[in-house]
């Protein structure tokens, strides 16, 4: 992943137990955002880290990943998140990065129906929206990205276990895994 243009300046939190970056989204208002890479498990001798992202709740020192700020700067925010992936791999060269959306959880649909203005009938239009954005970026840039990274697509089976397969562009996945080529 080459340098990403049109992104916000990052502040790395070097004291955290995780790899964490903060930035300020400057759209209709100023919103503090946080990107956090956290260890979730081991897979075939490699650590797997989750890419977490959301608004930063300063009062409670937590990431709020269940809201949309709608701050008018979505592309710049997305570019900023993407710009941290090479930084992650500089520190975690042999590890695996997992990307999935907080809107992919089973309870998301039930919660969304309570407050949704889209009035979805059969299928929730917001379900898996975040992973679809990441997948769209990978699909669009797959030829370039695969020069530096291996990709796996993940989907949940009936027991809610993640099944991995070689990534196929334009196929629907619940999660995307990537790691550097040796």
N, C-alpha and C. Protein backbone atom coordinates (compact mmCIF):
# COMPACT_ATOMS: atom_id res chain seq x y z
N UNK A 1 0.86 -1.16 0.00
CA UNK A 1 0.00 0.00 0.00
C UNK A 1 0.91 1.23 0.00
N UNK A 2 0.85 1.96 -1.02
CA UNK A 2 1.69 3.13 -1.18
C UNK A 2 1.15 4.30 -0.35
N UNK A 3 1.86 5.40 -0.37
CA UNK A 3 1.43 6.59 0.38
C UNK A 3 0.03 7.01 -0.07
N UNK A 4 -0.79 7.33 0.88
CA UNK A 4 -2.17 7.74 0.63
C UNK A 4 -2.24 9.26 0.72
N UNK A 5 -2.72 9.87 -0.35
CA UNK A 5 -2.87 11.33 -0.35
C UNK A 5 -4.21 11.73 0.26
N UNK A 6 -4.34 13.01 0.53
CA UNK A 6 -5.57 13.57 1.07
C UNK A 6 -5.99 12.84 2.36
N UNK A 7 -5.10 12.87 3.34
CA UNK A 7 -5.40 12.27 4.63
C UNK A 7 -5.02 13.25 5.74
N UNK A 8 -5.56 13.00 6.93
CA UNK A 8 -5.30 13.85 8.08
C UNK A 8 -3.95 13.49 8.72
N UNK A 9 -3.41 14.46 9.43
CA UNK A 9 -2.18 14.24 10.20
C UNK A 9 -2.50 13.34 11.39
N UNK A 10 -1.64 12.38 11.62
CA UNK A 10 -1.84 11.40 12.68
C UNK A 10 -0.99 11.72 13.91
N UNK A 11 -1.52 11.32 15.05
CA UNK A 11 -0.77 11.37 16.30
C UNK A 11 -0.76 9.95 16.84
N UNK A 12 0.42 9.35 16.95
CA UNK A 12 0.52 7.99 17.46
C UNK A 12 0.59 8.02 18.98
N UNK A 13 -0.15 7.12 19.61
CA UNK A 13 -0.11 6.97 21.06
C UNK A 13 0.92 5.90 21.38
N UNK A 14 2.09 6.30 21.75
CA UNK A 14 3.19 5.38 22.01
C UNK A 14 3.09 4.70 23.37
N UNK A 15 2.22 5.18 24.24
CA UNK A 15 2.12 4.60 25.57
C UNK A 15 1.07 3.48 25.64
N UNK A 16 0.29 3.34 24.61
CA UNK A 16 -0.81 2.37 24.64
C UNK A 16 -0.29 0.94 24.52
N UNK A 17 -1.10 0.00 24.96
CA UNK A 17 -0.79 -1.42 24.81
C UNK A 17 -1.08 -1.88 23.39
N UNK A 18 -1.71 -1.05 22.63
CA UNK A 18 -2.08 -1.34 21.26
C UNK A 18 -1.36 -0.33 20.37
N UNK A 19 -1.37 -0.58 19.08
CA UNK A 19 -0.90 0.42 18.13
C UNK A 19 -2.09 1.33 17.86
N UNK A 20 -2.00 2.58 18.30
CA UNK A 20 -3.14 3.48 18.26
C UNK A 20 -2.74 4.81 17.63
N UNK A 21 -3.64 5.31 16.77
CA UNK A 21 -3.45 6.60 16.13
C UNK A 21 -4.68 7.45 16.36
N UNK A 22 -4.46 8.73 16.59
CA UNK A 22 -5.55 9.69 16.73
C UNK A 22 -5.43 10.73 15.61
N UNK A 23 -6.57 11.27 15.20
CA UNK A 23 -6.57 12.41 14.30
C UNK A 23 -7.88 13.16 14.49
N UNK A 24 -7.91 14.37 13.96
CA UNK A 24 -9.12 15.19 14.08
C UNK A 24 -9.77 15.30 12.71
N UNK A 25 -10.99 14.84 12.63
CA UNK A 25 -11.82 15.00 11.43
C UNK A 25 -12.35 16.43 11.44
N UNK A 26 -12.02 17.17 10.38
CA UNK A 26 -12.41 18.58 10.32
C UNK A 26 -13.42 18.80 9.20
N UNK A 27 -14.64 18.43 9.48
CA UNK A 27 -15.72 18.62 8.52
C UNK A 27 -16.66 19.69 9.03
N UNK A 28 -17.92 19.32 9.21
CA UNK A 28 -18.91 20.25 9.74
C UNK A 28 -18.59 20.63 11.18
N UNK A 29 -17.86 19.74 11.86
CA UNK A 29 -17.41 19.98 13.23
C UNK A 29 -16.05 19.29 13.38
N UNK A 30 -15.40 19.47 14.50
CA UNK A 30 -14.14 18.79 14.78
C UNK A 30 -14.46 17.55 15.62
N UNK A 31 -14.09 16.37 15.09
CA UNK A 31 -14.36 15.11 15.77
C UNK A 31 -13.05 14.36 15.92
N UNK A 32 -12.72 13.97 17.15
CA UNK A 32 -11.52 13.19 17.38
C UNK A 32 -11.82 11.74 16.99
N UNK A 33 -10.97 11.21 16.12
CA UNK A 33 -11.11 9.82 15.64
C UNK A 33 -9.93 9.01 16.16
N UNK A 34 -10.13 7.71 16.27
CA UNK A 34 -9.07 6.82 16.71
C UNK A 34 -9.04 5.57 15.85
N UNK A 35 -7.84 5.14 15.54
CA UNK A 35 -7.59 3.90 14.81
C UNK A 35 -6.76 3.04 15.75
N UNK A 36 -7.20 1.83 16.00
CA UNK A 36 -6.49 0.99 16.95
C UNK A 36 -6.33 -0.43 16.41
N UNK A 37 -5.11 -0.91 16.46
CA UNK A 37 -4.79 -2.27 16.06
C UNK A 37 -4.62 -3.09 17.33
N UNK A 38 -5.49 -4.08 17.51
CA UNK A 38 -5.43 -4.86 18.75
C UNK A 38 -5.30 -6.36 18.43
N UNK A 39 -4.48 -7.02 19.23
CA UNK A 39 -4.25 -8.45 19.08
C UNK A 39 -5.52 -9.21 19.44
N UNK A 40 -5.94 -10.13 18.55
CA UNK A 40 -7.15 -10.89 18.84
C UNK A 40 -6.91 -12.39 18.97
N UNK A 41 -5.92 -12.92 18.25
CA UNK A 41 -5.66 -14.36 18.32
C UNK A 41 -4.39 -14.69 17.56
N UNK A 42 -4.05 -15.97 17.59
CA UNK A 42 -2.92 -16.47 16.80
C UNK A 42 -3.48 -17.39 15.73
N UNK A 43 -2.88 -17.35 14.56
CA UNK A 43 -3.31 -18.20 13.45
C UNK A 43 -2.07 -18.71 12.73
N UNK A 44 -1.86 -20.02 12.82
CA UNK A 44 -0.73 -20.67 12.16
C UNK A 44 0.60 -19.99 12.48
N UNK A 45 0.81 -19.70 13.77
CA UNK A 45 2.07 -19.14 14.22
C UNK A 45 2.22 -17.64 14.02
N UNK A 46 1.18 -16.98 13.55
CA UNK A 46 1.22 -15.52 13.37
C UNK A 46 0.16 -14.87 14.24
N UNK A 47 0.48 -13.69 14.75
CA UNK A 47 -0.51 -12.93 15.50
C UNK A 47 -1.48 -12.28 14.53
N UNK A 48 -2.75 -12.28 14.90
CA UNK A 48 -3.80 -11.64 14.11
C UNK A 48 -4.26 -10.41 14.88
N UNK A 49 -4.25 -9.26 14.20
CA UNK A 49 -4.67 -8.00 14.78
C UNK A 49 -5.92 -7.51 14.09
N UNK A 50 -6.81 -6.94 14.87
CA UNK A 50 -8.03 -6.34 14.34
C UNK A 50 -7.81 -4.84 14.15
N UNK A 51 -8.26 -4.31 13.03
CA UNK A 51 -8.24 -2.87 12.80
C UNK A 51 -9.55 -2.32 13.35
N UNK A 52 -9.46 -1.55 14.43
CA UNK A 52 -10.63 -0.90 15.02
C UNK A 52 -10.60 0.58 14.69
N UNK A 53 -11.77 1.14 14.49
CA UNK A 53 -11.85 2.55 14.11
C UNK A 53 -13.17 3.14 14.58
N UNK A 54 -13.12 4.40 15.01
CA UNK A 54 -14.35 5.08 15.38
C UNK A 54 -14.07 6.45 15.99
N UNK A 55 -15.11 7.04 16.51
CA UNK A 55 -14.98 8.31 17.23
C UNK A 55 -14.39 8.00 18.60
N UNK A 56 -13.60 8.93 19.09
CA UNK A 56 -12.98 8.74 20.39
C UNK A 56 -13.82 9.43 21.46
N UNK A 57 -14.24 8.67 22.45
CA UNK A 57 -14.97 9.20 23.61
C UNK A 57 -13.94 9.49 24.69
N UNK A 58 -13.54 10.76 24.77
CA UNK A 58 -12.49 11.19 25.70
C UNK A 58 -12.88 10.94 27.15
N UNK A 59 -14.13 11.18 27.47
CA UNK A 59 -14.60 11.03 28.85
C UNK A 59 -14.47 9.60 29.36
N UNK A 60 -14.75 8.62 28.49
CA UNK A 60 -14.71 7.22 28.90
C UNK A 60 -13.50 6.46 28.35
N UNK A 61 -12.65 7.16 27.56
CA UNK A 61 -11.44 6.58 26.98
C UNK A 61 -11.77 5.31 26.19
N UNK A 62 -12.77 5.42 25.30
CA UNK A 62 -13.17 4.28 24.47
C UNK A 62 -13.38 4.72 23.02
N UNK A 63 -13.35 3.71 22.15
CA UNK A 63 -13.67 3.92 20.74
C UNK A 63 -15.15 3.64 20.56
N UNK A 64 -15.86 4.58 19.97
CA UNK A 64 -17.28 4.39 19.68
C UNK A 64 -17.37 4.09 18.18
N UNK A 65 -17.55 2.80 17.87
CA UNK A 65 -17.54 2.39 16.47
C UNK A 65 -18.94 2.12 15.91
N UNK A 66 -19.94 2.51 16.67
CA UNK A 66 -21.31 2.20 16.26
C UNK A 66 -22.07 3.41 15.71
N UNK A 67 -21.40 4.55 15.59
CA UNK A 67 -22.09 5.73 15.07
C UNK A 67 -21.40 6.24 13.82
N UNK A 68 -22.13 7.01 13.05
CA UNK A 68 -21.58 7.69 11.89
C UNK A 68 -21.58 9.18 12.19
N UNK A 69 -20.42 9.79 12.10
CA UNK A 69 -20.34 11.22 12.38
C UNK A 69 -20.97 12.05 11.28
N UNK A 70 -20.97 11.53 10.04
CA UNK A 70 -21.50 12.27 8.89
C UNK A 70 -20.94 13.70 8.90
N UNK A 71 -19.60 13.76 8.93
CA UNK A 71 -18.92 15.04 9.09
C UNK A 71 -18.54 15.68 7.76
N UNK A 72 -18.91 15.06 6.65
CA UNK A 72 -18.66 15.65 5.34
C UNK A 72 -17.27 15.41 4.79
N UNK A 73 -16.48 14.57 5.46
CA UNK A 73 -15.10 14.32 5.02
C UNK A 73 -14.79 12.83 4.95
N UNK A 74 -15.76 12.03 4.54
CA UNK A 74 -15.63 10.57 4.58
C UNK A 74 -14.42 10.06 3.82
N UNK A 75 -14.14 10.61 2.64
CA UNK A 75 -13.01 10.11 1.85
C UNK A 75 -11.69 10.41 2.54
N UNK A 76 -11.56 11.58 3.11
CA UNK A 76 -10.33 11.94 3.80
C UNK A 76 -10.14 11.08 5.05
N UNK A 77 -11.21 10.81 5.75
CA UNK A 77 -11.16 9.95 6.93
C UNK A 77 -10.76 8.53 6.51
N UNK A 78 -11.39 8.01 5.47
CA UNK A 78 -11.08 6.66 4.98
C UNK A 78 -9.61 6.59 4.54
N UNK A 79 -9.15 7.60 3.82
CA UNK A 79 -7.74 7.63 3.41
C UNK A 79 -6.81 7.65 4.60
N UNK A 80 -7.20 8.34 5.65
CA UNK A 80 -6.38 8.40 6.86
C UNK A 80 -6.27 7.02 7.51
N UNK A 81 -7.39 6.32 7.58
CA UNK A 81 -7.37 4.96 8.14
C UNK A 81 -6.45 4.08 7.29
N UNK A 82 -6.62 4.14 5.97
CA UNK A 82 -5.78 3.32 5.08
C UNK A 82 -4.30 3.66 5.22
N UNK A 83 -3.99 4.92 5.48
CA UNK A 83 -2.59 5.34 5.58
C UNK A 83 -1.87 4.71 6.77
N UNK A 84 -2.61 4.16 7.72
CA UNK A 84 -1.98 3.55 8.90
C UNK A 84 -1.61 2.09 8.67
N UNK A 85 -2.15 1.48 7.63
CA UNK A 85 -1.87 0.05 7.40
C UNK A 85 -0.39 -0.19 7.13
N UNK A 86 0.28 0.58 6.26
CA UNK A 86 1.73 0.36 6.12
C UNK A 86 2.48 0.62 7.43
N UNK A 87 2.03 1.55 8.24
CA UNK A 87 2.65 1.81 9.54
C UNK A 87 2.50 0.60 10.46
N UNK A 88 1.33 -0.03 10.40
CA UNK A 88 1.11 -1.26 11.17
C UNK A 88 2.12 -2.33 10.76
N UNK A 89 2.26 -2.53 9.45
CA UNK A 89 3.16 -3.59 8.98
C UNK A 89 4.63 -3.27 9.18
N UNK A 90 4.98 -2.01 9.37
CA UNK A 90 6.36 -1.67 9.73
C UNK A 90 6.70 -2.22 11.11
N UNK A 91 5.73 -2.24 12.00
CA UNK A 91 5.94 -2.71 13.37
C UNK A 91 5.58 -4.19 13.54
N UNK A 92 4.73 -4.69 12.68
CA UNK A 92 4.24 -6.08 12.78
C UNK A 92 4.41 -6.77 11.43
N UNK A 93 5.66 -6.85 11.02
CA UNK A 93 6.00 -7.29 9.67
C UNK A 93 5.41 -8.65 9.31
N UNK A 94 5.46 -9.62 10.22
CA UNK A 94 5.02 -10.98 9.91
C UNK A 94 3.62 -11.31 10.40
N UNK A 95 2.90 -10.31 10.89
CA UNK A 95 1.58 -10.56 11.45
C UNK A 95 0.48 -10.41 10.40
N UNK A 96 -0.72 -10.74 10.81
CA UNK A 96 -1.89 -10.71 9.94
C UNK A 96 -2.82 -9.61 10.43
N UNK A 97 -3.38 -8.87 9.49
CA UNK A 97 -4.35 -7.82 9.81
C UNK A 97 -5.73 -8.28 9.39
N UNK A 98 -6.68 -8.17 10.30
CA UNK A 98 -8.07 -8.52 10.03
C UNK A 98 -8.89 -7.24 10.01
N UNK A 99 -9.71 -7.11 8.99
CA UNK A 99 -10.60 -5.95 8.87
C UNK A 99 -12.03 -6.48 8.77
N UNK A 100 -12.88 -5.97 9.63
CA UNK A 100 -14.31 -6.30 9.58
C UNK A 100 -15.06 -5.11 10.15
N UNK A 101 -16.32 -5.04 9.87
CA UNK A 101 -17.10 -3.90 10.33
C UNK A 101 -17.87 -4.19 11.59
N UNK A 102 -17.99 -3.18 12.45
CA UNK A 102 -18.79 -3.34 13.66
C UNK A 102 -20.27 -3.53 13.30
N UNK A 103 -20.63 -3.16 12.07
CA UNK A 103 -22.02 -3.34 11.63
C UNK A 103 -22.25 -4.73 11.03
N UNK A 104 -21.31 -5.65 11.23
CA UNK A 104 -21.47 -7.02 10.76
C UNK A 104 -21.88 -7.98 11.86
N UNK A 105 -21.95 -7.48 13.07
CA UNK A 105 -22.34 -8.32 14.20
C UNK A 105 -23.83 -8.67 14.11
N UNK A 106 -24.21 -9.86 14.59
CA UNK A 106 -25.63 -10.27 14.50
C UNK A 106 -26.58 -9.29 15.19
N UNK A 107 -26.17 -8.73 16.32
CA UNK A 107 -27.06 -7.83 17.06
C UNK A 107 -27.22 -6.47 16.37
N UNK A 108 -26.36 -6.17 15.39
CA UNK A 108 -26.43 -4.88 14.71
C UNK A 108 -27.78 -4.67 14.03
N UNK A 109 -28.26 -5.68 13.33
CA UNK A 109 -29.51 -5.55 12.56
C UNK A 109 -30.67 -5.23 13.50
N UNK A 110 -30.75 -5.93 14.62
CA UNK A 110 -31.84 -5.67 15.57
C UNK A 110 -31.78 -4.24 16.09
N UNK A 111 -30.59 -3.78 16.44
CA UNK A 111 -30.42 -2.42 16.95
C UNK A 111 -30.71 -1.39 15.86
N UNK A 112 -30.27 -1.66 14.66
CA UNK A 112 -30.47 -0.73 13.55
C UNK A 112 -31.96 -0.52 13.26
N UNK A 113 -32.71 -1.59 13.29
CA UNK A 113 -34.15 -1.49 13.00
C UNK A 113 -34.87 -0.54 13.96
N UNK A 114 -34.37 -0.41 15.18
CA UNK A 114 -35.00 0.46 16.18
C UNK A 114 -34.84 1.94 15.85
N UNK A 115 -33.74 2.30 15.18
CA UNK A 115 -33.45 3.72 14.95
C UNK A 115 -33.32 4.08 13.47
N UNK A 116 -33.41 3.11 12.59
CA UNK A 116 -33.15 3.33 11.17
C UNK A 116 -34.22 4.19 10.51
N UNK A 117 -33.76 5.08 9.65
CA UNK A 117 -34.69 5.92 8.90
C UNK A 117 -34.91 5.38 7.49
N UNK A 118 -34.17 4.34 7.11
CA UNK A 118 -34.27 3.78 5.75
C UNK A 118 -35.49 2.87 5.58
N UNK A 119 -36.06 2.44 6.69
CA UNK A 119 -37.26 1.59 6.67
C UNK A 119 -37.04 0.33 5.83
N UNK A 120 -35.93 -0.37 6.06
CA UNK A 120 -35.62 -1.60 5.34
C UNK A 120 -36.70 -2.64 5.64
N UNK A 121 -37.05 -3.41 4.65
CA UNK A 121 -38.08 -4.42 4.84
C UNK A 121 -37.46 -5.79 5.10
N UNK A 122 -36.82 -6.39 4.11
CA UNK A 122 -36.29 -7.73 4.26
C UNK A 122 -34.85 -7.71 4.78
N UNK A 123 -33.98 -7.00 4.10
CA UNK A 123 -32.57 -6.98 4.44
C UNK A 123 -32.13 -5.58 4.88
N UNK A 124 -31.41 -5.51 5.99
CA UNK A 124 -30.90 -4.24 6.51
C UNK A 124 -29.83 -3.70 5.56
N UNK A 125 -30.04 -2.50 5.05
CA UNK A 125 -29.10 -1.90 4.10
C UNK A 125 -27.82 -1.43 4.77
N UNK A 126 -27.85 -1.26 6.09
CA UNK A 126 -26.65 -0.84 6.82
C UNK A 126 -25.78 -2.01 7.28
N UNK A 127 -26.33 -3.22 7.24
CA UNK A 127 -25.59 -4.39 7.69
C UNK A 127 -24.39 -4.63 6.78
N UNK A 128 -23.21 -4.76 7.36
CA UNK A 128 -21.95 -5.00 6.64
C UNK A 128 -21.53 -3.85 5.72
N UNK A 129 -22.08 -2.68 5.92
CA UNK A 129 -21.73 -1.53 5.08
C UNK A 129 -20.25 -1.18 5.20
N UNK A 130 -19.71 -1.25 6.41
CA UNK A 130 -18.31 -0.87 6.61
C UNK A 130 -17.35 -1.83 5.91
N UNK A 131 -17.55 -3.15 6.06
CA UNK A 131 -16.65 -4.08 5.38
C UNK A 131 -16.81 -3.96 3.86
N UNK A 132 -18.01 -3.62 3.42
CA UNK A 132 -18.20 -3.43 1.97
C UNK A 132 -17.37 -2.26 1.45
N UNK A 133 -17.18 -1.23 2.26
CA UNK A 133 -16.34 -0.10 1.85
C UNK A 133 -14.88 -0.55 1.74
N UNK A 134 -14.39 -1.28 2.74
CA UNK A 134 -13.02 -1.79 2.68
C UNK A 134 -12.84 -2.76 1.52
N UNK A 135 -13.80 -3.67 1.34
CA UNK A 135 -13.73 -4.63 0.24
C UNK A 135 -13.72 -3.90 -1.11
N UNK A 136 -14.51 -2.86 -1.22
CA UNK A 136 -14.55 -2.08 -2.45
C UNK A 136 -13.20 -1.49 -2.78
N UNK A 137 -12.50 -1.00 -1.75
CA UNK A 137 -11.16 -0.45 -1.96
C UNK A 137 -10.20 -1.55 -2.41
N UNK A 138 -10.25 -2.71 -1.74
CA UNK A 138 -9.37 -3.82 -2.12
C UNK A 138 -9.69 -4.26 -3.54
N UNK A 139 -10.97 -4.43 -3.87
CA UNK A 139 -11.36 -4.87 -5.21
C UNK A 139 -10.85 -3.91 -6.28
N UNK A 140 -11.03 -2.63 -6.05
CA UNK A 140 -10.64 -1.61 -7.02
C UNK A 140 -9.12 -1.57 -7.22
N UNK A 141 -8.37 -1.85 -6.17
CA UNK A 141 -6.91 -1.73 -6.20
C UNK A 141 -6.19 -3.07 -6.07
N UNK A 142 -6.91 -4.16 -6.30
CA UNK A 142 -6.39 -5.50 -6.03
C UNK A 142 -5.10 -5.80 -6.79
N UNK A 143 -5.04 -5.45 -8.05
CA UNK A 143 -3.84 -5.77 -8.85
C UNK A 143 -2.59 -5.13 -8.26
N UNK A 144 -2.71 -3.89 -7.80
CA UNK A 144 -1.56 -3.22 -7.18
C UNK A 144 -1.27 -3.77 -5.78
N UNK A 145 -2.32 -3.95 -4.99
CA UNK A 145 -2.15 -4.37 -3.61
C UNK A 145 -1.56 -5.77 -3.50
N UNK A 146 -1.91 -6.64 -4.41
CA UNK A 146 -1.42 -8.03 -4.31
C UNK A 146 0.06 -8.16 -4.62
N UNK A 147 0.68 -7.09 -5.10
CA UNK A 147 2.13 -7.10 -5.29
C UNK A 147 2.85 -7.14 -3.94
N UNK A 148 2.25 -6.53 -2.92
CA UNK A 148 2.86 -6.45 -1.59
C UNK A 148 2.17 -7.30 -0.53
N UNK A 149 0.92 -7.67 -0.76
CA UNK A 149 0.14 -8.35 0.28
C UNK A 149 -0.56 -9.59 -0.25
N UNK A 150 -0.73 -10.55 0.66
CA UNK A 150 -1.61 -11.70 0.42
C UNK A 150 -2.95 -11.36 1.07
N UNK A 151 -4.04 -11.76 0.44
CA UNK A 151 -5.38 -11.49 0.96
C UNK A 151 -6.15 -12.79 1.14
N UNK A 152 -6.93 -12.84 2.21
CA UNK A 152 -7.88 -13.92 2.45
C UNK A 152 -9.24 -13.30 2.69
N UNK A 153 -10.27 -13.96 2.23
CA UNK A 153 -11.63 -13.52 2.51
C UNK A 153 -12.21 -14.40 3.59
N UNK A 154 -12.95 -13.80 4.51
CA UNK A 154 -13.55 -14.56 5.60
C UNK A 154 -15.06 -14.43 5.59
N UNK A 155 -15.73 -15.53 5.87
CA UNK A 155 -17.19 -15.49 6.01
C UNK A 155 -17.58 -16.38 7.18
N UNK A 156 -18.71 -16.05 7.79
CA UNK A 156 -19.18 -16.78 8.96
C UNK A 156 -20.03 -17.98 8.52
N UNK A 157 -19.76 -19.13 9.15
CA UNK A 157 -20.61 -20.28 8.89
C UNK A 157 -21.79 -20.26 9.86
N UNK A 158 -22.58 -21.31 9.86
CA UNK A 158 -23.79 -21.34 10.70
C UNK A 158 -23.47 -21.30 12.19
N UNK A 159 -22.27 -21.74 12.57
CA UNK A 159 -21.86 -21.70 13.98
C UNK A 159 -21.16 -20.39 14.32
N UNK A 160 -21.17 -19.42 13.42
CA UNK A 160 -20.56 -18.10 13.57
C UNK A 160 -19.03 -18.17 13.65
N UNK A 161 -18.45 -19.25 13.10
CA UNK A 161 -17.01 -19.36 13.00
C UNK A 161 -16.58 -18.76 11.66
N UNK A 162 -15.40 -18.12 11.65
CA UNK A 162 -14.91 -17.53 10.42
C UNK A 162 -14.17 -18.58 9.59
N UNK A 163 -14.61 -18.73 8.37
CA UNK A 163 -13.99 -19.64 7.41
C UNK A 163 -13.20 -18.77 6.44
N UNK A 164 -11.92 -19.11 6.22
CA UNK A 164 -11.06 -18.33 5.35
C UNK A 164 -10.84 -19.04 4.02
N UNK A 165 -10.71 -18.24 2.97
CA UNK A 165 -10.40 -18.76 1.64
C UNK A 165 -9.56 -17.72 0.92
N UNK A 166 -8.84 -18.12 -0.14
CA UNK A 166 -8.11 -17.11 -0.92
C UNK A 166 -9.09 -16.04 -1.40
N UNK A 167 -8.69 -14.80 -1.28
CA UNK A 167 -9.56 -13.67 -1.61
C UNK A 167 -9.89 -13.67 -3.10
N UNK A 168 -11.17 -13.50 -3.40
CA UNK A 168 -11.64 -13.34 -4.78
C UNK A 168 -12.26 -11.96 -4.89
N UNK A 169 -11.67 -11.09 -5.73
CA UNK A 169 -12.26 -9.76 -5.89
C UNK A 169 -13.74 -9.84 -6.26
N UNK A 170 -14.50 -8.93 -5.70
CA UNK A 170 -15.94 -8.75 -5.94
C UNK A 170 -16.81 -9.85 -5.34
N UNK A 171 -16.24 -10.67 -4.50
CA UNK A 171 -17.02 -11.66 -3.76
C UNK A 171 -17.34 -11.06 -2.40
N UNK A 172 -18.52 -11.35 -1.88
CA UNK A 172 -18.93 -10.82 -0.58
C UNK A 172 -18.24 -11.59 0.54
N UNK A 173 -17.64 -10.84 1.44
CA UNK A 173 -17.00 -11.42 2.62
C UNK A 173 -17.42 -10.63 3.86
N UNK A 174 -17.39 -11.31 5.01
CA UNK A 174 -17.66 -10.65 6.28
C UNK A 174 -16.40 -9.99 6.84
N UNK A 175 -15.24 -10.47 6.39
CA UNK A 175 -13.96 -9.93 6.85
C UNK A 175 -12.90 -10.14 5.77
N UNK A 176 -11.87 -9.32 5.85
CA UNK A 176 -10.74 -9.43 4.95
C UNK A 176 -9.49 -9.53 5.82
N UNK A 177 -8.63 -10.47 5.48
CA UNK A 177 -7.36 -10.67 6.17
C UNK A 177 -6.26 -10.38 5.18
N UNK A 178 -5.19 -9.71 5.66
CA UNK A 178 -4.06 -9.45 4.78
C UNK A 178 -2.77 -9.56 5.56
N UNK A 179 -1.74 -9.96 4.84
CA UNK A 179 -0.40 -10.03 5.42
C UNK A 179 0.61 -9.79 4.32
N UNK A 180 1.77 -9.34 4.74
CA UNK A 180 2.82 -8.97 3.78
C UNK A 180 3.39 -10.20 3.11
N UNK A 181 3.77 -10.00 1.86
CA UNK A 181 4.51 -11.04 1.16
C UNK A 181 5.94 -11.02 1.66
N UNK A 182 6.53 -12.19 1.75
CA UNK A 182 7.91 -12.28 2.25
C UNK A 182 8.91 -11.70 1.28
